[in-house]
Amino acid sequence: MAVRACAAGFCCADVYQDLDVFYPTGNGVDWGVHLSRMGVPVSVVSVVGDDRYGEKMREALAAEGLDISHLRVEPGNTCVMLMALKNGCDRVHLEAIDGVMENFALTAEDEEFVLGHDLIHTDLFGNCLGSLPAWHGAGKTVVMDFSVFSQDPQYQCEELFPFVDYAFMSFEEDTPDLRAWLKKVQSLGPRVAIATLGEKGSIAFDGERFHECGIVEAGEVVNTVGAGDSYIAGFTHGLITGCDLDDCMREGAELSSRVIGRFEPY
């Protein structure tokens, strides 16, 4: 039986006003599009507004093969990230407009729907953190993107780690302090704690030893914004297809290298 995956949490439209383009995105949305393109059934559980962005986002994600039956439409504006290009290639976040995402909460029906999946992805900003214990208790595989905030006291991540199976974090350097942190995170519950290091690759701790993976060389670097989400998607695809940890990391690196060579986030 095919593994069913669910992206529950944050979604938004990345809007480049100067270029008159936008992309449906968000940590789980990017992850879900990649997995759907690789043949994995994926659902999105989130919210958009009843504006043009919301309509176009639903159309685009449905066209990618995602189940949008629980991508709710509510009166108001879709969450938007206003973006710009600096020097023709560097992405700059100008402003975040929360819109209907600000007050999003899973309904009882949403919760039941999410629990119908085998593998669940979420993030710090999608208003789903209160559901982690239930997901974990139901035996679901939980993949979570902590981005650069895993050590930020504001987010109290140490209270979340026990309910996460694969904890992904972003750092810049492989240091003794980072390795100590990965060990601590893994000891709190996750099967594996993974740190992506940008152009320096990634490192993971599985409770027994550290695993390291370099980057896969890309051609021209066009867009680094989607690199982390694509790494997690490639890694997750490796999990689904039965790869060992080193091969999962390698698959993440390979997908990430392809994404940073194009403008789109996936």
C-alpha atoms as a PDB file:
ATOM      1  CA  MET A   1       0.000   0.000   0.000  1.00  0.00           C
ATOM      2  CA  ALA A   2       1.309   3.444  -0.921  1.00  0.00           C
ATOM      3  CA  VAL A   3       2.413   5.760   1.851  1.00  0.00           C
ATOM      4  CA  ARG A   4       0.099   8.758   2.166  1.00  0.00           C
ATOM      5  CA  ALA A   5       1.755  12.039   3.129  1.00  0.00           C
ATOM      6  CA  CYS A   6       0.197  15.178   4.574  1.00  0.00           C
ATOM      7  CA  ALA A   7       1.535  18.731   4.733  1.00  0.00           C
ATOM      8  CA  ALA A   8      -0.263  20.392   7.631  1.00  0.00           C
ATOM      9  CA  GLY A   9       0.489  23.975   8.559  1.00  0.00           C
ATOM     10  CA  PHE A  10       1.804  27.125   6.997  1.00  0.00           C
ATOM     11  CA  CYS A  11       1.141  28.137   3.405  1.00  0.00           C
ATOM     12  CA  CYS A  12       1.430  31.448   1.614  1.00  0.00           C
ATOM     13  CA  ALA A  13       1.943  33.141  -1.730  1.00  0.00           C
ATOM     14  CA  ASP A  14       5.447  34.421  -2.487  1.00  0.00           C
ATOM     15  CA  VAL A  15       4.659  37.547  -4.493  1.00  0.00           C
ATOM     16  CA  TYR A  16       7.190  39.306  -6.712  1.00  0.00           C
ATOM     17  CA  GLN A  17       5.290  42.484  -7.496  1.00  0.00           C
ATOM     18  CA  ASP A  18       7.979  43.931  -9.770  1.00  0.00           C
ATOM     19  CA  LEU A  19       7.917  40.771 -11.892  1.00  0.00           C
ATOM     20  CA  ASP A  20       4.146  40.270 -11.677  1.00  0.00           C
ATOM     21  CA  VAL A  21       4.555  36.627 -10.619  1.00  0.00           C
ATOM     22  CA  PHE A  22       3.774  34.633  -7.517  1.00  0.00           C
ATOM     23  CA  TYR A  23       4.199  31.055  -6.319  1.00  0.00           C
ATOM     24  CA  PRO A  24       2.156  28.942  -3.911  1.00  0.00           C
ATOM     25  CA  THR A  25       4.610  28.047  -1.191  1.00  0.00           C
ATOM     26  CA  GLY A  26       5.244  27.368   2.477  1.00  0.00           C
ATOM     27  CA  ASN A  27       7.481  24.727   4.035  1.00  0.00           C
ATOM     28  CA  GLY A  28       5.018  21.883   3.660  1.00  0.00           C
ATOM     29  CA  VAL A  29       3.627  23.034   0.328  1.00  0.00           C
ATOM     30  CA  ASP A  30       7.051  22.979  -1.338  1.00  0.00           C
ATOM     31  CA  TRP A  31       7.766  19.605   0.283  1.00  0.00           C
ATOM     32  CA  GLY A  32       4.415  18.264  -0.891  1.00  0.00           C
ATOM     33  CA  VAL A  33       4.817  19.404  -4.488  1.00  0.00           C
ATOM     34  CA  HIS A  34       8.187  17.662  -4.726  1.00  0.00           C
ATOM     35  CA  LEU A  35       6.823  14.423  -3.291  1.00  0.00           C
ATOM     36  CA  SER A  36       3.738  14.544  -5.515  1.00  0.00           C
ATOM     37  CA  ARG A  37       5.973  14.907  -8.556  1.00  0.00           C
ATOM     38  CA  MET A  38       7.781  11.767  -7.380  1.00  0.00           C
ATOM     39  CA  GLY A  39       4.542   9.814  -7.232  1.00  0.00           C
ATOM     40  CA  VAL A  40       3.710  10.082  -3.526  1.00  0.00           C
ATOM     41  CA  PRO A  41       0.053  10.861  -2.668  1.00  0.00           C
ATOM     42  CA  VAL A  42       0.092  14.175  -0.756  1.00  0.00           C
ATOM     43  CA  SER A  43      -2.631  16.217   0.936  1.00  0.00           C
ATOM     44  CA  VAL A  44      -2.412  19.837   2.076  1.00  0.00           C
ATOM     45  CA  VAL A  45      -4.187  20.927   5.250  1.00  0.00           C
ATOM     46  CA  SER A  46      -4.083  24.700   5.603  1.00  0.00           C
ATOM     47  CA  VAL A  47      -6.007  27.834   4.659  1.00  0.00           C
ATOM     48  CA  VAL A  48      -6.149  30.453   1.910  1.00  0.00           C
ATOM     49  CA  GLY A  49      -8.304  33.539   1.503  1.00  0.00           C
ATOM     50  CA  ASP A  50     -11.163  34.055  -0.915  1.00  0.00           C
ATOM     51  CA  ASP A  51      -9.002  36.396  -2.987  1.00  0.00           C
ATOM     52  CA  ARG A  52      -7.239  35.904  -6.302  1.00  0.00           C
ATOM     53  CA  TYR A  53      -4.132  34.441  -4.652  1.00  0.00           C
ATOM     54  CA  GLY A  54      -6.179  31.834  -2.823  1.00  0.00           C
ATOM     55  CA  GLU A  55      -8.023  30.815  -5.974  1.00  0.00           C
ATOM     56  CA  LYS A  56      -4.824  30.563  -8.020  1.00  0.00           C
ATOM     57  CA  MET A  57      -3.014  28.663  -5.257  1.00  0.00           C
ATOM     58  CA  ARG A  58      -5.746  26.040  -5.089  1.00  0.00           C
ATOM     59  CA  GLU A  59      -5.718  25.707  -8.863  1.00  0.00           C
ATOM     60  CA  ALA A  60      -1.938  25.348  -8.993  1.00  0.00           C
ATOM     61  CA  LEU A  61      -1.709  22.780  -6.202  1.00  0.00           C
ATOM     62  CA  ALA A  62      -4.569  20.730  -7.616  1.00  0.00           C
ATOM     63  CA  ALA A  63      -2.768  20.769 -10.971  1.00  0.00           C
ATOM     64  CA  GLU A  64       0.290  19.340  -9.174  1.00  0.00           C
ATOM     65  CA  GLY A  65      -1.837  16.417  -8.051  1.00  0.00           C
ATOM     66  CA  LEU A  66      -2.172  17.405  -4.396  1.00  0.00           C
ATOM     67  CA  ASP A  67      -5.356  16.680  -2.468  1.00  0.00           C
ATOM     68  CA  ILE A  68      -6.690  20.151  -1.585  1.00  0.00           C
ATOM     69  CA  SER A  69      -9.948  18.969  -0.029  1.00  0.00           C
ATOM     70  CA  HIS A  70      -8.738  20.367   3.314  1.00  0.00           C
ATOM     71  CA  LEU A  71      -7.055  23.480   1.983  1.00  0.00           C
ATOM     72  CA  ARG A  72      -9.742  25.682   3.456  1.00  0.00           C
ATOM     73  CA  VAL A  73     -11.022  28.899   1.895  1.00  0.00           C
ATOM     74  CA  GLU A  74     -11.966  31.622   4.386  1.00  0.00           C
ATOM     75  CA  PRO A  75     -13.115  35.219   3.875  1.00  0.00           C
ATOM     76  CA  GLY A  76     -10.125  37.519   3.763  1.00  0.00           C
ATOM     77  CA  ASN A  77      -6.665  37.728   2.294  1.00  0.00           C
ATOM     78  CA  THR A  78      -4.371  34.820   1.618  1.00  0.00           C
ATOM     79  CA  CYS A  79      -1.122  34.927   3.578  1.00  0.00           C
ATOM     80  CA  VAL A  80       1.442  36.707   1.406  1.00  0.00           C
ATOM     81  CA  MET A  81       5.207  37.134   1.497  1.00  0.00           C
ATOM     82  CA  LEU A  82       6.178  40.163  -0.549  1.00  0.00           C
ATOM     83  CA  MET A  83       9.462  39.364  -2.291  1.00  0.00           C
ATOM     84  CA  ALA A  84      12.022  41.219  -4.358  1.00  0.00           C
ATOM     85  CA  LEU A  85      15.189  40.416  -6.252  1.00  0.00           C
ATOM     86  CA  LYS A  86      18.386  42.154  -5.203  1.00  0.00           C
ATOM     87  CA  ASN A  87      21.198  42.251  -7.743  1.00  0.00           C
ATOM     88  CA  GLY A  88      18.991  40.241 -10.064  1.00  0.00           C
ATOM     89  CA  CYS A  89      19.227  36.969  -8.119  1.00  0.00           C
ATOM     90  CA  ASP A  90      19.250  37.378  -4.313  1.00  0.00           C
ATOM     91  CA  ARG A  91      15.824  36.894  -2.755  1.00  0.00           C
ATOM     92  CA  VAL A  92      14.727  39.546  -0.278  1.00  0.00           C
ATOM     93  CA  HIS A  93      11.679  39.247   1.996  1.00  0.00           C
ATOM     94  CA  LEU A  94      10.072  42.670   2.093  1.00  0.00           C
ATOM     95  CA  GLU A  95       6.970  42.095   4.169  1.00  0.00           C
ATOM     96  CA  ALA A  96       4.882  39.275   5.602  1.00  0.00           C
ATOM     97  CA  ILE A  97       1.088  39.689   5.559  1.00  0.00           C
ATOM     98  CA  ASP A  98      -0.511  36.952   7.666  1.00  0.00           C
ATOM     99  CA  GLY A  99      -4.061  37.269   6.356  1.00  0.00           C
ATOM    100  CA  VAL A 100      -6.281  34.285   7.143  1.00  0.00           C
ATOM    101  CA  MET A 101      -3.267  32.199   8.200  1.00  0.00           C
ATOM    102  CA  GLU A 102      -3.033  34.194  11.433  1.00  0.00           C
ATOM    103  CA  ASN A 103      -6.097  32.575  12.990  1.00  0.00           C
ATOM    104  CA  PHE A 104      -5.954  29.201  11.265  1.00  0.00           C
ATOM    105  CA  ALA A 105      -6.706  26.214  13.496  1.00  0.00           C
ATOM    106  CA  LEU A 106      -7.357  22.587  12.703  1.00  0.00           C
ATOM    107  CA  THR A 107     -10.978  21.527  13.062  1.00  0.00           C
ATOM    108  CA  ALA A 108     -11.975  18.130  14.441  1.00  0.00           C
ATOM    109  CA  GLU A 109     -12.602  17.053  10.853  1.00  0.00           C
ATOM    110  CA  ASP A 110      -9.144  18.281   9.842  1.00  0.00           C
ATOM    111  CA  GLU A 111      -7.575  16.320  12.706  1.00  0.00           C
ATOM    112  CA  GLU A 112      -9.347  13.130  11.655  1.00  0.00           C
ATOM    113  CA  PHE A 113      -8.278  13.698   8.055  1.00  0.00           C
ATOM    114  CA  VAL A 114      -4.631  14.275   8.982  1.00  0.00           C
ATOM    115  CA  LEU A 115      -4.584  11.082  11.046  1.00  0.00           C
ATOM    116  CA  GLY A 116      -5.621   9.178   7.940  1.00  0.00           C
ATOM    117  CA  HIS A 117      -2.095   9.696   6.589  1.00  0.00           C
ATOM    118  CA  ASP A 118       1.073   7.776   7.333  1.00  0.00           C
ATOM    119  CA  LEU A 119       3.554  10.624   7.275  1.00  0.00           C
ATOM    120  CA  ILE A 120       2.923  14.205   8.413  1.00  0.00           C
ATOM    121  CA  HIS A 121       5.025  17.317   7.787  1.00  0.00           C
ATOM    122  CA  THR A 122       4.586  20.476   9.807  1.00  0.00           C
ATOM    123  CA  ASP A 123       6.443  23.614  10.848  1.00  0.00           C
ATOM    124  CA  LEU A 124       6.623  26.240  13.574  1.00  0.00           C
ATOM    125  CA  PHE A 125       4.274  28.742  11.948  1.00  0.00           C
ATOM    126  CA  GLY A 126       1.265  26.729  10.764  1.00  0.00           C
ATOM    127  CA  ASN A 127      -0.671  26.697  14.064  1.00  0.00           C
ATOM    128  CA  CYS A 128      -0.547  22.893  14.306  1.00  0.00           C
ATOM    129  CA  LEU A 129       1.886  22.438  17.186  1.00  0.00           C
ATOM    130  CA  GLY A 130      -0.825  21.444  19.632  1.00  0.00           C
ATOM    131  CA  SER A 131      -1.593  18.412  17.469  1.00  0.00           C
ATOM    132  CA  LEU A 132       1.903  16.922  17.652  1.00  0.00           C
ATOM    133  CA  PRO A 133       1.211  14.730  20.721  1.00  0.00           C
ATOM    134  CA  ALA A 134      -1.881  13.220  19.086  1.00  0.00           C
ATOM    135  CA  TRP A 135      -0.057  12.545  15.830  1.00  0.00           C
ATOM    136  CA  HIS A 136       2.851  10.980  17.677  1.00  0.00           C
ATOM    137  CA  GLY A 137       0.545   8.982  19.916  1.00  0.00           C
ATOM    138  CA  ALA A 138      -1.246   7.595  16.868  1.00  0.00           C
ATOM    139  CA  GLY A 139       2.051   6.232  15.575  1.00  0.00           C
ATOM    140  CA  LYS A 140       2.365   8.601  12.634  1.00  0.00           C
ATOM    141  CA  THR A 141       5.790   9.493  11.265  1.00  0.00           C
ATOM    142  CA  VAL A 142       6.234  13.206  11.928  1.00  0.00           C
ATOM    143  CA  VAL A 143       8.696  15.266   9.893  1.00  0.00           C
ATOM    144  CA  MET A 144       9.169  18.805  11.158  1.00  0.00           C
ATOM    145  CA  ASP A 145      11.084  21.786   9.834  1.00  0.00           C
ATOM    146  CA  PHE A 146      12.462  23.913  12.669  1.00  0.00           C
ATOM    147  CA  SER A 147      14.330  26.169  10.214  1.00  0.00           C
ATOM    148  CA  VAL A 148      16.823  28.445  12.029  1.00  0.00           C
ATOM    149  CA  PHE A 149      14.751  28.587  15.224  1.00  0.00           C
ATOM    150  CA  SER A 150      15.524  25.282  16.966  1.00  0.00           C
ATOM    151  CA  GLN A 151      17.523  27.037  19.713  1.00  0.00           C
ATOM    152  CA  ASP A 152      15.369  30.156  19.946  1.00  0.00           C
ATOM    153  CA  PRO A 153      13.754  30.292  23.417  1.00  0.00           C
ATOM    154  CA  GLN A 154      10.686  31.987  21.928  1.00  0.00           C
ATOM    155  CA  TYR A 155       9.640  28.753  20.213  1.00  0.00           C
ATOM    156  CA  GLN A 156      10.325  26.332  23.106  1.00  0.00           C
ATOM    157  CA  CYS A 157      11.381  23.638  20.659  1.00  0.00           C
ATOM    158  CA  GLU A 158      12.616  21.313  23.395  1.00  0.00           C
ATOM    159  CA  GLU A 159       8.962  20.772  24.301  1.00  0.00           C
ATOM    160  CA  LEU A 160       8.210  19.753  20.690  1.00  0.00           C
ATOM    161  CA  PHE A 161      11.110  17.415  19.928  1.00  0.00           C
ATOM    162  CA  PRO A 162       9.624  14.438  21.853  1.00  0.00           C
ATOM    163  CA  PHE A 163       6.747  14.277  19.353  1.00  0.00           C
ATOM    164  CA  VAL A 164       8.853  14.494  16.178  1.00  0.00           C
ATOM    165  CA  ASP A 165      10.501  11.602  14.352  1.00  0.00           C
ATOM    166  CA  TYR A 166      12.747  13.532  11.966  1.00  0.00           C
ATOM    167  CA  ALA A 167      13.777  16.990  13.195  1.00  0.00           C
ATOM    168  CA  PHE A 168      15.274  19.251  10.508  1.00  0.00           C
ATOM    169  CA  MET A 169      17.175  22.395  11.453  1.00  0.00           C
ATOM    170  CA  SER A 170      19.196  24.991   9.547  1.00  0.00           C
ATOM    171  CA  PHE A 171      22.671  26.136  10.590  1.00  0.00           C
ATOM    172  CA  GLU A 172      25.711  27.616   8.893  1.00  0.00           C
ATOM    173  CA  GLU A 173      28.652  25.666  10.321  1.00  0.00           C
ATOM    174  CA  ASP A 174      29.461  22.165  11.535  1.00  0.00           C
ATOM    175  CA  THR A 175      30.849  22.946  14.990  1.00  0.00           C
ATOM    176  CA  PRO A 176      31.291  21.001  18.254  1.00  0.00           C
ATOM    177  CA  ASP A 177      28.406  23.026  19.690  1.00  0.00           C
ATOM    178  CA  LEU A 178      26.156  22.013  16.788  1.00  0.00           C
ATOM    179  CA  ARG A 179      27.050  18.357  17.234  1.00  0.00           C
ATOM    180  CA  ALA A 180      26.275  18.604  20.938  1.00  0.00           C
ATOM    181  CA  TRP A 181      22.932  20.193  20.078  1.00  0.00           C
ATOM    182  CA  LEU A 182      22.058  17.458  17.577  1.00  0.00           C
ATOM    183  CA  LYS A 183      22.841  14.839  20.203  1.00  0.00           C
ATOM    184  CA  LYS A 184      20.612  16.616  22.698  1.00  0.00           C
ATOM    185  CA  VAL A 185      17.751  16.999  20.220  1.00  0.00           C
ATOM    186  CA  GLN A 186      17.904  13.330  19.245  1.00  0.00           C
ATOM    187  CA  SER A 187      17.980  12.270  22.901  1.00  0.00           C
ATOM    188  CA  LEU A 188      14.677  14.069  23.474  1.00  0.00           C
ATOM    189  CA  GLY A 189      12.773  11.823  21.091  1.00  0.00           C
ATOM    190  CA  PRO A 190      13.466  12.090  17.345  1.00  0.00           C
ATOM    191  CA  ARG A 191      14.793   9.050  15.532  1.00  0.00           C
ATOM    192  CA  VAL A 192      17.177  11.387  13.719  1.00  0.00           C
ATOM    193  CA  ALA A 193      18.187  15.035  14.158  1.00  0.00           C
ATOM    194  CA  ILE A 194      19.369  16.644  10.919  1.00  0.00           C
ATOM    195  CA  ALA A 195      21.087  19.976  10.320  1.00  0.00           C
ATOM    196  CA  THR A 196      21.353  21.430   6.839  1.00  0.00           C
ATOM    197  CA  LEU A 197      24.390  23.666   6.369  1.00  0.00           C
ATOM    198  CA  GLY A 198      23.773  25.365   3.034  1.00  0.00           C
ATOM    199  CA  GLU A 199      26.740  25.021   0.710  1.00  0.00           C
ATOM    200  CA  LYS A 200      28.522  22.964   3.399  1.00  0.00           C
ATOM    201  CA  GLY A 201      26.144  20.033   3.121  1.00  0.00           C
ATOM    202  CA  SER A 202      24.307  18.387   5.987  1.00  0.00           C
ATOM    203  CA  ILE A 203      24.936  16.381   9.128  1.00  0.00           C
ATOM    204  CA  ALA A 204      22.675  14.017  11.044  1.00  0.00           C
ATOM    205  CA  PHE A 205      22.768  12.154  14.345  1.00  0.00           C
ATOM    206  CA  ASP A 206      20.828   8.897  14.753  1.00  0.00           C
ATOM    207  CA  GLY A 207      21.604   8.121  18.397  1.00  0.00           C
ATOM    208  CA  GLU A 208      24.696   6.114  17.561  1.00  0.00           C
ATOM    209  CA  ARG A 209      26.861   8.178  15.251  1.00  0.00           C
ATOM    210  CA  PHE A 210      27.025  11.238  13.043  1.00  0.00           C
ATOM    211  CA  HIS A 211      26.392  11.010   9.322  1.00  0.00           C
ATOM    212  CA  GLU A 212      27.739  13.637   6.938  1.00  0.00           C
ATOM    213  CA  CYS A 213      26.716  14.485   3.391  1.00  0.00           C
ATOM    214  CA  GLY A 214      28.239  17.055   1.078  1.00  0.00           C
ATOM    215  CA  ILE A 215      26.361  19.057  -1.499  1.00  0.00           C
ATOM    216  CA  VAL A 216      25.746  17.945  -5.044  1.00  0.00           C
ATOM    217  CA  GLU A 217      27.311  20.505  -7.314  1.00  0.00           C
ATOM    218  CA  ALA A 218      24.797  22.563  -9.259  1.00  0.00           C
ATOM    219  CA  GLY A 219      25.285  24.803 -12.240  1.00  0.00           C
ATOM    220  CA  GLU A 220      24.321  28.431 -11.878  1.00  0.00           C
ATOM    221  CA  VAL A 221      22.713  29.164  -8.509  1.00  0.00           C
ATOM    222  CA  VAL A 222      19.451  30.998  -9.176  1.00  0.00           C
ATOM    223  CA  ASN A 223      17.339  30.456  -6.070  1.00  0.00           C
ATOM    224  CA  THR A 224      18.411  29.239  -2.640  1.00  0.00           C
ATOM    225  CA  VAL A 225      15.014  29.943  -1.044  1.00  0.00           C
ATOM    226  CA  GLY A 226      13.648  26.456  -1.777  1.00  0.00           C
ATOM    227  CA  ALA A 227      16.826  24.558  -0.958  1.00  0.00           C
ATOM    228  CA  GLY A 228      15.850  23.484   2.554  1.00  0.00           C
ATOM    229  CA  ASP A 229      12.341  22.333   1.667  1.00  0.00           C
ATOM    230  CA  SER A 230      13.621  20.371  -1.305  1.00  0.00           C
ATOM    231  CA  TYR A 231      16.297  18.706   0.831  1.00  0.00           C
ATOM    232  CA  ILE A 232      13.623  17.576   3.302  1.00  0.00           C
ATOM    233  CA  ALA A 233      11.467  16.332   0.430  1.00  0.00           C
ATOM    234  CA  GLY A 234      14.294  14.320  -1.088  1.00  0.00           C
ATOM    235  CA  PHE A 235      15.193  12.928   2.328  1.00  0.00           C
ATOM    236  CA  THR A 236      11.550  11.993   2.940  1.00  0.00           C
ATOM    237  CA  HIS A 237      11.294  10.255  -0.418  1.00  0.00           C
ATOM    238  CA  GLY A 238      14.303   8.220   0.617  1.00  0.00           C
ATOM    239  CA  LEU A 239      12.528   7.219   3.822  1.00  0.00           C
ATOM    240  CA  ILE A 240       9.402   6.202   1.918  1.00  0.00           C
ATOM    241  CA  THR A 241      11.377   4.065  -0.518  1.00  0.00           C
ATOM    242  CA  GLY A 242      13.339   2.306   2.227  1.00  0.00           C
ATOM    243  CA  CYS A 243      16.721   4.000   1.896  1.00  0.00           C
ATOM    244  CA  ASP A 244      19.190   4.065   4.751  1.00  0.00           C
ATOM    245  CA  LEU A 245      20.075   7.379   6.408  1.00  0.00           C
ATOM    246  CA  ASP A 246      23.092   8.141   4.228  1.00  0.00           C
ATOM    247  CA  ASP A 247      21.114   7.562   1.044  1.00  0.00           C
ATOM    248  CA  CYS A 248      18.235   9.700   2.371  1.00  0.00           C
ATOM    249  CA  MET A 249      20.672  12.548   2.946  1.00  0.00           C
ATOM    250  CA  ARG A 250      22.132  12.064  -0.506  1.00  0.00           C
ATOM    251  CA  GLU A 251      18.682  12.140  -2.110  1.00  0.00           C
ATOM    252  CA  GLY A 252      17.965  15.367  -0.239  1.00  0.00           C
ATOM    253  CA  ALA A 253      21.193  16.909  -1.501  1.00  0.00           C
ATOM    254  CA  GLU A 254      20.494  15.849  -5.080  1.00  0.00           C
ATOM    255  CA  LEU A 255      17.000  17.329  -5.151  1.00  0.00           C
ATOM    256  CA  SER A 256      18.193  20.527  -3.499  1.00  0.00           C
ATOM    257  CA  SER A 257      20.925  20.956  -6.123  1.00  0.00           C
ATOM    258  CA  ARG A 258      18.342  20.787  -8.893  1.00  0.00           C
ATOM    259  CA  VAL A 259      16.027  23.334  -7.275  1.00  0.00           C
ATOM    260  CA  ILE A 260      18.622  26.052  -6.656  1.00  0.00           C
ATOM    261  CA  GLY A 261      19.332  26.139 -10.377  1.00  0.00           C
ATOM    262  CA  ARG A 262      15.887  27.478 -11.280  1.00  0.00           C
ATOM    263  CA  PHE A 263      13.744  30.433 -10.316  1.00  0.00           C
ATOM    264  CA  GLU A 264      10.705  28.484  -9.098  1.00  0.00           C
ATOM    265  CA  PRO A 265      10.739  27.104  -5.517  1.00  0.00           C
ATOM    266  CA  TYR A 266      10.170  23.513  -6.760  1.00  0.00           C
END
